[in-house]
PDB file of N, CA and C in Angstrom:
ATOM      1  N   UNK A   1       0.858  -1.183   0.000  1.00  0.00           N
ATOM      2  CA  UNK A   1       0.000   0.000   0.000  1.00  0.00           C
ATOM      3  C   UNK A   1       0.893   1.231   0.000  1.00  0.00           C
ATOM      4  N   UNK A   2       0.746   2.071  -0.996  1.00  0.00           N
ATOM      5  CA  UNK A   2       1.558   3.290  -1.077  1.00  0.00           C
ATOM      6  C   UNK A   2       1.265   4.182   0.117  1.00  0.00           C
ATOM      7  N   UNK A   3       2.312   4.706   0.726  1.00  0.00           N
ATOM      8  CA  UNK A   3       2.134   5.595   1.861  1.00  0.00           C
ATOM      9  C   UNK A   3       1.967   4.881   3.181  1.00  0.00           C
ATOM     10  N   UNK A   4       1.957   3.561   3.184  1.00  0.00           N
ATOM     11  CA  UNK A   4       1.866   2.804   4.426  1.00  0.00           C
ATOM     12  C   UNK A   4       0.472   2.284   4.706  1.00  0.00           C
ATOM     13  N   UNK A   5       0.382   1.374   5.663  1.00  0.00           N
ATOM     14  CA  UNK A   5      -0.892   0.800   6.083  1.00  0.00           C
ATOM     15  C   UNK A   5      -1.577   1.750   7.056  1.00  0.00           C
ATOM     16  N   UNK A   6      -2.849   2.004   6.848  1.00  0.00           N
ATOM     17  CA  UNK A   6      -3.614   2.926   7.681  1.00  0.00           C
ATOM     18  C   UNK A   6      -4.065   2.220   8.956  1.00  0.00           C
ATOM     19  N   UNK A   7      -3.593   2.710  10.112  1.00  0.00           N
ATOM     20  CA  UNK A   7      -3.961   2.133  11.402  1.00  0.00           C
ATOM     21  C   UNK A   7      -5.059   2.931  12.100  1.00  0.00           C
ATOM     22  N   UNK A   8      -5.054   4.239  11.936  1.00  0.00           N
ATOM     23  CA  UNK A   8      -6.089   5.127  12.486  1.00  0.00           C
ATOM     24  C   UNK A   8      -6.376   6.174  11.411  1.00  0.00           C
ATOM     25  N   UNK A   9      -7.641   6.578  11.272  1.00  0.00           N
ATOM     26  CA  UNK A   9      -8.011   7.566  10.266  1.00  0.00           C
ATOM     27  C   UNK A   9      -8.847   8.664  10.901  1.00  0.00           C
ATOM     28  N   UNK A  10      -8.238   9.840  11.091  1.00  0.00           N
ATOM     29  CA  UNK A  10      -8.923  10.991  11.699  1.00  0.00           C
ATOM     30  C   UNK A  10      -9.650  10.571  12.975  1.00  0.00           C
ATOM     31  N   UNK A  11      -8.968   9.856  13.842  1.00  0.00           N
ATOM     32  CA  UNK A  11      -9.565   9.279  15.043  1.00  0.00           C
ATOM     33  C   UNK A  11      -9.224  10.086  16.298  1.00  0.00           C
ATOM     34  N   UNK A  12     -10.060   9.910  17.316  1.00  0.00           N
ATOM     35  CA  UNK A  12      -9.830  10.543  18.613  1.00  0.00           C
ATOM     36  C   UNK A  12      -9.728   9.522  19.746  1.00  0.00           C
ATOM     37  N   UNK A  13     -10.105   8.263  19.465  1.00  0.00           N
ATOM     38  CA  UNK A  13     -10.019   7.203  20.468  1.00  0.00           C
ATOM     39  C   UNK A  13     -10.043   5.853  19.755  1.00  0.00           C
ATOM     40  N   UNK A  14      -9.671   4.807  20.486  1.00  0.00           N
ATOM     41  CA  UNK A  14      -9.811   3.458  19.948  1.00  0.00           C
ATOM     42  C   UNK A  14      -8.500   2.742  19.684  1.00  0.00           C
ATOM     43  N   UNK A  15      -8.636   1.431  19.391  1.00  0.00           N
ATOM     44  CA  UNK A  15      -7.483   0.567  19.180  1.00  0.00           C
ATOM     45  C   UNK A  15      -6.897   0.659  17.779  1.00  0.00           C
ATOM     46  N   UNK A  16      -7.678   1.003  16.801  1.00  0.00           N
ATOM     47  CA  UNK A  16      -7.183   1.085  15.431  1.00  0.00           C
ATOM     48  C   UNK A  16      -7.112  -0.269  14.750  1.00  0.00           C
ATOM     49  N   UNK A  17      -6.740  -0.237  13.473  1.00  0.00           N
ATOM     50  CA  UNK A  17      -6.624  -1.448  12.663  1.00  0.00           C
ATOM     51  C   UNK A  17      -5.359  -2.210  13.019  1.00  0.00           C
ATOM     52  N   UNK A  18      -5.412  -3.534  12.857  1.00  0.00           N
ATOM     53  CA  UNK A  18      -4.250  -4.389  13.060  1.00  0.00           C
ATOM     54  C   UNK A  18      -3.641  -4.708  11.698  1.00  0.00           C
ATOM     55  N   UNK A  19      -2.307  -4.828  11.653  1.00  0.00           N
ATOM     56  CA  UNK A  19      -1.653  -5.292  10.438  1.00  0.00           C
ATOM     57  C   UNK A  19      -0.647  -6.374  10.786  1.00  0.00           C
ATOM     58  N   UNK A  20      -0.462  -7.297   9.855  1.00  0.00           N
ATOM     59  CA  UNK A  20       0.464  -8.401  10.038  1.00  0.00           C
ATOM     60  C   UNK A  20       1.824  -8.007   9.486  1.00  0.00           C
ATOM     61  N   UNK A  21       2.833  -7.985  10.335  1.00  0.00           N
ATOM     62  CA  UNK A  21       4.191  -7.604   9.928  1.00  0.00           C
ATOM     63  C   UNK A  21       5.133  -8.801   9.864  1.00  0.00           C
ATOM     64  N   UNK A  22       4.598 -10.021   9.999  1.00  0.00           N
ATOM     65  CA  UNK A  22       5.446 -11.208   9.935  1.00  0.00           C
ATOM     66  C   UNK A  22       6.147 -11.265   8.583  1.00  0.00           C
ATOM     67  N   UNK A  23       7.423 -11.570   8.600  1.00  0.00           N
ATOM     68  CA  UNK A  23       8.190 -11.683   7.367  1.00  0.00           C
ATOM     69  C   UNK A  23       8.816 -10.378   6.905  1.00  0.00           C
ATOM     70  N   UNK A  24       8.523  -9.293   7.609  1.00  0.00           N
ATOM     71  CA  UNK A  24       9.131  -8.006   7.262  1.00  0.00           C
ATOM     72  C   UNK A  24      10.296  -7.774   8.220  1.00  0.00           C
ATOM     73  N   UNK A  25      11.491  -7.787   7.679  1.00  0.00           N
ATOM     74  CA  UNK A  25      12.679  -7.567   8.494  1.00  0.00           C
ATOM     75  C   UNK A  25      13.123  -6.118   8.376  1.00  0.00           C
ATOM     76  N   UNK A  26      13.914  -5.675   9.324  1.00  0.00           N
ATOM     77  CA  UNK A  26      14.456  -4.323   9.254  1.00  0.00           C
ATOM     78  C   UNK A  26      13.644  -3.331  10.051  1.00  0.00           C
ATOM     79  N   UNK A  27      13.767  -2.077   9.657  1.00  0.00           N
ATOM     80  CA  UNK A  27      13.137  -0.987  10.398  1.00  0.00           C
ATOM     81  C   UNK A  27      11.676  -0.801   9.997  1.00  0.00           C
ATOM     82  N   UNK A  28      10.863  -0.465  11.011  1.00  0.00           N
ATOM     83  CA  UNK A  28       9.456  -0.133  10.830  1.00  0.00           C
ATOM     84  C   UNK A  28       9.279   1.324  11.249  1.00  0.00           C
ATOM     85  N   UNK A  29       8.432   2.048  10.523  1.00  0.00           N
ATOM     86  CA  UNK A  29       8.199   3.462  10.820  1.00  0.00           C
ATOM     87  C   UNK A  29       6.711   3.662  11.111  1.00  0.00           C
ATOM     88  N   UNK A  30       6.409   4.278  12.251  1.00  0.00           N
ATOM     89  CA  UNK A  30       5.045   4.668  12.594  1.00  0.00           C
ATOM     90  C   UNK A  30       4.955   6.178  12.438  1.00  0.00           C
ATOM     91  N   UNK A  31       3.984   6.632  11.656  1.00  0.00           N
ATOM     92  CA  UNK A  31       3.800   8.060  11.403  1.00  0.00           C
ATOM     93  C   UNK A  31       2.465   8.500  11.999  1.00  0.00           C
ATOM     94  N   UNK A  32       2.503   9.481  12.885  1.00  0.00           N
ATOM     95  CA  UNK A  32       1.306  10.035  13.522  1.00  0.00           C
ATOM     96  C   UNK A  32       1.125  11.454  12.985  1.00  0.00           C
ATOM     97  N   UNK A  33      -0.021  11.686  12.342  1.00  0.00           N
ATOM     98  CA  UNK A  33      -0.313  12.990  11.736  1.00  0.00           C
ATOM     99  C   UNK A  33      -1.424  13.654  12.535  1.00  0.00           C
ATOM    100  N   UNK A  34      -1.093  14.771  13.184  1.00  0.00           N
ATOM    101  CA  UNK A  34      -2.070  15.519  13.971  1.00  0.00           C
ATOM    102  C   UNK A  34      -2.838  16.490  13.084  1.00  0.00           C
ATOM    103  N   UNK A  35      -4.151  16.574  13.300  1.00  0.00           N
ATOM    104  CA  UNK A  35      -4.997  17.509  12.549  1.00  0.00           C
ATOM    105  C   UNK A  35      -5.831  18.321  13.529  1.00  0.00           C
ATOM    106  N   UNK A  36      -6.203  19.528  13.127  1.00  0.00           N
ATOM    107  CA  UNK A  36      -6.984  20.392  14.002  1.00  0.00           C
ATOM    108  C   UNK A  36      -6.138  20.853  15.179  1.00  0.00           C
ATOM    109  N   UNK A  37      -6.813  21.315  16.212  1.00  0.00           N
ATOM    110  CA  UNK A  37      -6.119  21.751  17.423  1.00  0.00           C
ATOM    111  C   UNK A  37      -6.130  20.603  18.426  1.00  0.00           C
ATOM    112  N   UNK A  38      -4.946  20.118  18.782  1.00  0.00           N
ATOM    113  CA  UNK A  38      -4.823  19.021  19.742  1.00  0.00           C
ATOM    114  C   UNK A  38      -4.317  19.601  21.057  1.00  0.00           C
ATOM    115  N   UNK A  39      -5.127  19.424  22.115  1.00  0.00           N
ATOM    116  CA  UNK A  39      -4.729  19.935  23.424  1.00  0.00           C
ATOM    117  C   UNK A  39      -4.238  18.823  24.354  1.00  0.00           C
ATOM    118  N   UNK A  40      -4.576  17.576  24.034  1.00  0.00           N
ATOM    119  CA  UNK A  40      -4.109  16.432  24.822  1.00  0.00           C
ATOM    120  C   UNK A  40      -4.292  15.171  23.991  1.00  0.00           C
ATOM    121  N   UNK A  41      -3.587  14.126  24.402  1.00  0.00           N
ATOM    122  CA  UNK A  41      -3.760  12.841  23.734  1.00  0.00           C
ATOM    123  C   UNK A  41      -2.453  12.104  23.581  1.00  0.00           C
ATOM    124  N   UNK A  42      -2.565  10.822  23.280  1.00  0.00           N
ATOM    125  CA  UNK A  42      -1.386  10.002  23.086  1.00  0.00           C
ATOM    126  C   UNK A  42      -1.695   8.766  22.270  1.00  0.00           C
ATOM    127  N   UNK A  43      -0.690   8.294  21.529  1.00  0.00           N
ATOM    128  CA  UNK A  43      -0.809   7.096  20.700  1.00  0.00           C
ATOM    129  C   UNK A  43       0.279   6.122  21.131  1.00  0.00           C
ATOM    130  N   UNK A  44      -0.108   4.867  21.375  1.00  0.00           N
ATOM    131  CA  UNK A  44       0.855   3.838  21.742  1.00  0.00           C
ATOM    132  C   UNK A  44       0.913   2.798  20.625  1.00  0.00           C
ATOM    133  N   UNK A  45       2.122   2.568  20.116  1.00  0.00           N
ATOM    134  CA  UNK A  45       2.386   1.580  19.072  1.00  0.00           C
ATOM    135  C   UNK A  45       2.555   0.244  19.776  1.00  0.00           C
ATOM    136  N   UNK A  46       1.742  -0.750  19.414  1.00  0.00           N
ATOM    137  CA  UNK A  46       1.709  -1.998  20.160  1.00  0.00           C
ATOM    138  C   UNK A  46       1.833  -3.223  19.263  1.00  0.00           C
ATOM    139  N   UNK A  47       2.242  -4.344  19.900  1.00  0.00           N
ATOM    140  CA  UNK A  47       2.410  -5.603  19.186  1.00  0.00           C
ATOM    141  C   UNK A  47       1.775  -6.744  19.971  1.00  0.00           C
ATOM    142  N   UNK A  48       1.207  -7.707  19.234  1.00  0.00           N
ATOM    143  CA  UNK A  48       0.712  -8.967  19.802  1.00  0.00           C
ATOM    144  C   UNK A  48       1.191 -10.102  18.899  1.00  0.00           C
ATOM    145  N   UNK A  49       1.137 -11.324  19.401  1.00  0.00           N
ATOM    146  CA  UNK A  49       1.598 -12.476  18.622  1.00  0.00           C
ATOM    147  C   UNK A  49       0.537 -12.995  17.654  1.00  0.00           C
ATOM    148  N   UNK A  50      -0.741 -12.722  17.948  1.00  0.00           N
ATOM    149  CA  UNK A  50      -1.821 -13.242  17.101  1.00  0.00           C
ATOM    150  C   UNK A  50      -2.837 -12.149  16.776  1.00  0.00           C
ATOM    151  N   UNK A  51      -3.474 -12.223  15.605  1.00  0.00           N
ATOM    152  CA  UNK A  51      -4.518 -11.250  15.261  1.00  0.00           C
ATOM    153  C   UNK A  51      -5.700 -11.352  16.230  1.00  0.00           C
ATOM    154  N   UNK A  52      -6.324 -10.222  16.524  1.00  0.00           N
ATOM    155  CA  UNK A  52      -7.508 -10.209  17.381  1.00  0.00           C
ATOM    156  C   UNK A  52      -7.233 -10.501  18.840  1.00  0.00           C
ATOM    157  N   UNK A  53      -5.977 -10.453  19.254  1.00  0.00           N
ATOM    158  CA  UNK A  53      -5.610 -10.738  20.642  1.00  0.00           C
ATOM    159  C   UNK A  53      -6.378  -9.804  21.580  1.00  0.00           C
ATOM    160  N   UNK A  54      -6.960 -10.367  22.653  1.00  0.00           N
ATOM    161  CA  UNK A  54      -7.794  -9.576  23.561  1.00  0.00           C
ATOM    162  C   UNK A  54      -7.116  -9.259  24.887  1.00  0.00           C
ATOM    163  N   UNK A  55      -5.899  -9.723  25.080  1.00  0.00           N
ATOM    164  CA  UNK A  55      -5.156  -9.423  26.307  1.00  0.00           C
ATOM    165  C   UNK A  55      -4.403  -8.104  26.183  1.00  0.00           C
ATOM    166  N   UNK A  56      -3.401  -7.933  27.033  1.00  0.00           N
ATOM    167  CA  UNK A  56      -2.586  -6.725  27.031  1.00  0.00           C
ATOM    168  C   UNK A  56      -1.507  -6.830  25.961  1.00  0.00           C
ATOM    169  N   UNK A  57      -1.495  -5.867  25.040  1.00  0.00           N
ATOM    170  CA  UNK A  57      -0.499  -5.832  23.978  1.00  0.00           C
ATOM    171  C   UNK A  57       0.798  -5.242  24.518  1.00  0.00           C
ATOM    172  N   UNK A  58       1.930  -5.578  23.888  1.00  0.00           N
ATOM    173  CA  UNK A  58       3.245  -5.059  24.281  1.00  0.00           C
ATOM    174  C   UNK A  58       3.492  -3.725  23.585  1.00  0.00           C
ATOM    175  N   UNK A  59       3.862  -2.722  24.361  1.00  0.00           N
ATOM    176  CA  UNK A  59       4.218  -1.422  23.780  1.00  0.00           C
ATOM    177  C   UNK A  59       5.554  -1.551  23.054  1.00  0.00           C
ATOM    178  N   UNK A  60       5.604  -1.072  21.821  1.00  0.00           N
ATOM    179  CA  UNK A  60       6.830  -1.112  21.026  1.00  0.00           C
ATOM    180  C   UNK A  60       7.707   0.098  21.336  1.00  0.00           C
ATOM    181  N   UNK A  61       7.079   1.216  21.634  1.00  0.00           N
ATOM    182  CA  UNK A  61       7.791   2.474  21.906  1.00  0.00           C
ATOM    183  C   UNK A  61       7.009   3.236  22.974  1.00  0.00           C
ATOM    184  N   UNK A  62       7.620   4.233  23.601  1.00  0.00           N
ATOM    185  CA  UNK A  62       6.869   5.067  24.552  1.00  0.00           C
ATOM    186  C   UNK A  62       5.689   5.764  23.858  1.00  0.00           C
ATOM    187  N   UNK A  63       4.698   6.158  24.650  1.00  0.00           N
ATOM    188  CA  UNK A  63       3.532   6.852  24.106  1.00  0.00           C
ATOM    189  C   UNK A  63       3.982   8.068  23.286  1.00  0.00           C
ATOM    190  N   UNK A  64       3.402   8.192  22.106  1.00  0.00           N
ATOM    191  CA  UNK A  64       3.699   9.318  21.213  1.00  0.00           C
ATOM    192  C   UNK A  64       2.671  10.399  21.468  1.00  0.00           C
ATOM    193  N   UNK A  65       3.134  11.624  21.689  1.00  0.00           N
ATOM    194  CA  UNK A  65       2.241  12.748  21.966  1.00  0.00           C
ATOM    195  C   UNK A  65       2.063  13.567  20.688  1.00  0.00           C
ATOM    196  N   UNK A  66       0.884  13.444  20.038  1.00  0.00           N
ATOM    197  CA  UNK A  66       0.670  14.173  18.792  1.00  0.00           C
ATOM    198  C   UNK A  66       0.552  15.673  19.025  1.00  0.00           C
ATOM    199  N   UNK A  67       0.916  16.433  18.002  1.00  0.00           N
ATOM    200  CA  UNK A  67       0.888  17.888  18.060  1.00  0.00           C
ATOM    201  C   UNK A  67       0.022  18.392  16.914  1.00  0.00           C
ATOM    202  N   UNK A  68      -0.685  19.495  17.117  1.00  0.00           N
ATOM    203  CA  UNK A  68      -1.546  20.076  16.091  1.00  0.00           C
ATOM    204  C   UNK A  68      -0.780  20.276  14.788  1.00  0.00           C
ATOM    205  N   UNK A  69      -1.383  19.826  13.688  1.00  0.00           N
ATOM    206  CA  UNK A  69      -0.852  20.040  12.333  1.00  0.00           C
ATOM    207  C   UNK A  69       0.632  19.679  12.198  1.00  0.00           C
ATOM    208  N   UNK A  70       1.037  18.587  12.850  1.00  0.00           N
ATOM    209  CA  UNK A  70       2.434  18.174  12.835  1.00  0.00           C
ATOM    210  C   UNK A  70       2.527  16.665  12.614  1.00  0.00           C
ATOM    211  N   UNK A  71       3.611  16.237  11.987  1.00  0.00           N
ATOM    212  CA  UNK A  71       3.885  14.816  11.784  1.00  0.00           C
ATOM    213  C   UNK A  71       4.954  14.385  12.784  1.00  0.00           C
ATOM    214  N   UNK A  72       4.675  13.297  13.520  1.00  0.00           N
ATOM    215  CA  UNK A  72       5.628  12.732  14.479  1.00  0.00           C
ATOM    216  C   UNK A  72       5.872  11.288  14.060  1.00  0.00           C
ATOM    217  N   UNK A  73       7.140  10.863  14.065  1.00  0.00           N
ATOM    218  CA  UNK A  73       7.458   9.492  13.685  1.00  0.00           C
ATOM    219  C   UNK A  73       8.223   8.775  14.778  1.00  0.00           C
ATOM    220  N   UNK A  74       8.005   7.454  14.826  1.00  0.00           N
ATOM    221  CA  UNK A  74       8.770   6.572  15.701  1.00  0.00           C
ATOM    222  C   UNK A  74       9.314   5.451  14.819  1.00  0.00           C
ATOM    223  N   UNK A  75      10.509   4.959  15.152  1.00  0.00           N
ATOM    224  CA  UNK A  75      11.146   3.904  14.368  1.00  0.00           C
ATOM    225  C   UNK A  75      11.480   2.731  15.278  1.00  0.00           C
ATOM    226  N   UNK A  76      11.219   1.521  14.779  1.00  0.00           N
ATOM    227  CA  UNK A  76      11.575   0.298  15.499  1.00  0.00           C
ATOM    228  C   UNK A  76      12.403  -0.555  14.551  1.00  0.00           C
ATOM    229  N   UNK A  77      13.545  -1.041  15.019  1.00  0.00           N
ATOM    230  CA  UNK A  77      14.428  -1.853  14.191  1.00  0.00           C
ATOM    231  C   UNK A  77      14.378  -3.293  14.667  1.00  0.00           C
ATOM    232  N   UNK A  78      13.720  -4.146  13.898  1.00  0.00           N
ATOM    233  CA  UNK A  78      13.630  -5.559  14.252  1.00  0.00           C
ATOM    234  C   UNK A  78      12.328  -6.163  13.772  1.00  0.00           C
ATOM    235  N   UNK A  79      12.187  -7.472  13.906  1.00  0.00           N
ATOM    236  CA  UNK A  79      10.964  -8.136  13.457  1.00  0.00           C
ATOM    237  C   UNK A  79       9.789  -7.843  14.397  1.00  0.00           C
ATOM    238  N   UNK A  80       8.599  -7.784  13.820  1.00  0.00           N
ATOM    239  CA  UNK A  80       7.362  -7.583  14.579  1.00  0.00           C
ATOM    240  C   UNK A  80       6.333  -8.610  14.129  1.00  0.00           C
ATOM    241  N   UNK A  81       5.302  -8.813  14.933  1.00  0.00           N
ATOM    242  CA  UNK A  81       4.215  -9.723  14.589  1.00  0.00           C
ATOM    243  C   UNK A  81       3.008  -8.906  14.120  1.00  0.00           C
ATOM    244  N   UNK A  82       1.958  -8.865  14.933  1.00  0.00           N
ATOM    245  CA  UNK A  82       0.754  -8.090  14.625  1.00  0.00           C
ATOM    246  C   UNK A  82       0.883  -6.746  15.328  1.00  0.00           C
ATOM    247  N   UNK A  83       0.691  -5.643  14.618  1.00  0.00           N
ATOM    248  CA  UNK A  83       0.830  -4.326  15.245  1.00  0.00           C
ATOM    249  C   UNK A  83      -0.446  -3.505  15.081  1.00  0.00           C
ATOM    250  N   UNK A  84      -0.598  -2.551  15.986  1.00  0.00           N
ATOM    251  CA  UNK A  84      -1.687  -1.583  15.923  1.00  0.00           C
ATOM    252  C   UNK A  84      -1.197  -0.289  16.570  1.00  0.00           C
ATOM    253  N   UNK A  85      -1.955   0.774  16.366  1.00  0.00           N
ATOM    254  CA  UNK A  85      -1.674   2.060  17.019  1.00  0.00           C
ATOM    255  C   UNK A  85      -2.900   2.403  17.857  1.00  0.00           C
ATOM    256  N   UNK A  86      -2.804   2.161  19.150  1.00  0.00           N
ATOM    257  CA  UNK A  86      -3.927   2.415  20.071  1.00  0.00           C
ATOM    258  C   UNK A  86      -3.853   3.857  20.574  1.00  0.00           C
ATOM    259  N   UNK A  87      -4.972   4.550  20.497  1.00  0.00           N
ATOM    260  CA  UNK A  87      -5.030   5.883  21.106  1.00  0.00           C
ATOM    261  C   UNK A  87      -5.196   5.646  22.598  1.00  0.00           C
ATOM    262  N   UNK A  88      -4.072   5.752  23.307  1.00  0.00           N
ATOM    263  CA  UNK A  88      -4.009   5.395  24.720  1.00  0.00           C
ATOM    264  C   UNK A  88      -4.505   6.516  25.628  1.00  0.00           C
ATOM    265  N   UNK A  89      -4.477   7.737  25.150  1.00  0.00           N
ATOM    266  CA  UNK A  89      -5.071   8.891  25.829  1.00  0.00           C
ATOM    267  C   UNK A  89      -5.895   9.611  24.774  1.00  0.00           C
ATOM    268  N   UNK A  90      -7.212   9.743  25.016  1.00  0.00           N
ATOM    269  CA  UNK A  90      -8.095  10.335  24.003  1.00  0.00           C
ATOM    270  C   UNK A  90      -7.562  11.662  23.481  1.00  0.00           C
ATOM    271  N   UNK A  91      -7.708  11.867  22.169  1.00  0.00           N
ATOM    272  CA  UNK A  91      -7.284  13.109  21.527  1.00  0.00           C
ATOM    273  C   UNK A  91      -8.379  14.148  21.781  1.00  0.00           C
ATOM    274  N   UNK A  92      -7.991  15.286  22.336  1.00  0.00           N
ATOM    275  CA  UNK A  92      -8.953  16.345  22.623  1.00  0.00           C
ATOM    276  C   UNK A  92      -8.481  17.649  21.992  1.00  0.00           C
ATOM    277  N   UNK A  93      -9.410  18.571  21.861  1.00  0.00           N
ATOM    278  CA  UNK A  93      -9.120  19.876  21.268  1.00  0.00           C
ATOM    279  C   UNK A  93     -10.143  20.188  20.193  1.00  0.00           C
ATOM    280  N   UNK A  94     -10.102  21.386  19.676  1.00  0.00           N
ATOM    281  CA  UNK A  94     -11.059  21.840  18.676  1.00  0.00           C
ATOM    282  C   UNK A  94     -10.777  21.174  17.332  1.00  0.00           C
ATOM    283  N   UNK A  95     -11.564  20.156  17.002  1.00  0.00           N
ATOM    284  CA  UNK A  95     -11.377  19.434  15.749  1.00  0.00           C
ATOM    285  C   UNK A  95     -10.131  18.574  15.723  1.00  0.00           C
ATOM    286  N   UNK A  96      -9.557  18.303  16.888  1.00  0.00           N
ATOM    287  CA  UNK A  96      -8.324  17.518  16.956  1.00  0.00           C
ATOM    288  C   UNK A  96      -8.547  16.048  16.656  1.00  0.00           C
ATOM    289  N   UNK A  97      -7.654  15.461  15.860  1.00  0.00           N
ATOM    290  CA  UNK A  97      -7.691  14.034  15.553  1.00  0.00           C
ATOM    291  C   UNK A  97      -6.315  13.608  15.069  1.00  0.00           C
ATOM    292  N   UNK A  98      -6.127  12.304  14.949  1.00  0.00           N
ATOM    293  CA  UNK A  98      -4.871  11.783  14.418  1.00  0.00           C
ATOM    294  C   UNK A  98      -5.140  10.758  13.321  1.00  0.00           C
ATOM    295  N   UNK A  99      -4.264  10.729  12.364  1.00  0.00           N
ATOM    296  CA  UNK A  99      -4.203   9.669  11.362  1.00  0.00           C
ATOM    297  C   UNK A  99      -2.857   9.000  11.574  1.00  0.00           C
ATOM    298  N   UNK A 100      -2.861   7.664  11.612  1.00  0.00           N
ATOM    299  CA  UNK A 100      -1.638   6.926  11.921  1.00  0.00           C
ATOM    300  C   UNK A 100      -1.390   5.890  10.833  1.00  0.00           C
ATOM    301  N   UNK A 101      -0.133   5.855  10.356  1.00  0.00           N
ATOM    302  CA  UNK A 101       0.263   4.892   9.329  1.00  0.00           C
ATOM    303  C   UNK A 101       1.501   4.131   9.782  1.00  0.00           C
ATOM    304  N   UNK A 102       1.605   2.888   9.299  1.00  0.00           N
ATOM    305  CA  UNK A 102       2.777   2.050   9.563  1.00  0.00           C
ATOM    306  C   UNK A 102       3.371   1.646   8.226  1.00  0.00           C
ATOM    307  N   UNK A 103       4.709   1.687   8.149  1.00  0.00           N
ATOM    308  CA  UNK A 103       5.374   1.270   6.932  1.00  0.00           C
ATOM    309  C   UNK A 103       6.782   0.786   7.244  1.00  0.00           C
ATOM    310  N   UNK A 104       7.201  -0.319   6.621  1.00  0.00           N
ATOM    311  CA  UNK A 104       8.606  -0.696   6.753  1.00  0.00           C
ATOM    312  C   UNK A 104       9.465   0.385   6.124  1.00  0.00           C
ATOM    313  N   UNK A 105      10.659   0.599   6.668  1.00  0.00           N
ATOM    314  CA  UNK A 105      11.538   1.650   6.165  1.00  0.00           C
ATOM    315  C   UNK A 105      11.892   1.463   4.698  1.00  0.00           C
ATOM    316  N   UNK A 106      11.862   0.198   4.196  1.00  0.00           N
ATOM    317  CA  UNK A 106      12.171  -0.033   2.784  1.00  0.00           C
ATOM    318  C   UNK A 106      10.980   0.264   1.876  1.00  0.00           C
ATOM    319  N   UNK A 107       9.831   0.620   2.479  1.00  0.00           N
ATOM    320  CA  UNK A 107       8.653   1.005   1.707  1.00  0.00           C
ATOM    321  C   UNK A 107       7.753  -0.117   1.276  1.00  0.00           C
ATOM    322  N   UNK A 108       8.097  -1.379   1.542  1.00  0.00           N
ATOM    323  CA  UNK A 108       7.270  -2.505   1.101  1.00  0.00           C
ATOM    324  C   UNK A 108       6.403  -3.028   2.234  1.00  0.00           C
ATOM    325  N   UNK A 109       5.137  -3.234   1.923  1.00  0.00           N
ATOM    326  CA  UNK A 109       4.212  -3.791   2.913  1.00  0.00           C
ATOM    327  C   UNK A 109       3.300  -4.774   2.235  1.00  0.00           C
TER     328      UNK A 109
END
């Protein structure tokens, strides 16, 4: 998918979409795009071993704090299983939301 796999789309809360990263080696890039005015909120990049896992997912990186009209990225170097971007602290503010994408650093997904 050009531009990465969409995990959250103009969202303010929720777990987001899951993607399977098995077989993708190397660096992974998570891109968080803030829209509107964001006064609070956080996104946690998480991993589980199986799709649809209902237990506690493992955090891949510290909580990412989105900023109004700004792009924030996190990079992870190594193999991953199933990943998602959970909005761990609701996004608040006037029209504030986040769009989150995941992509291997080599661009192939």
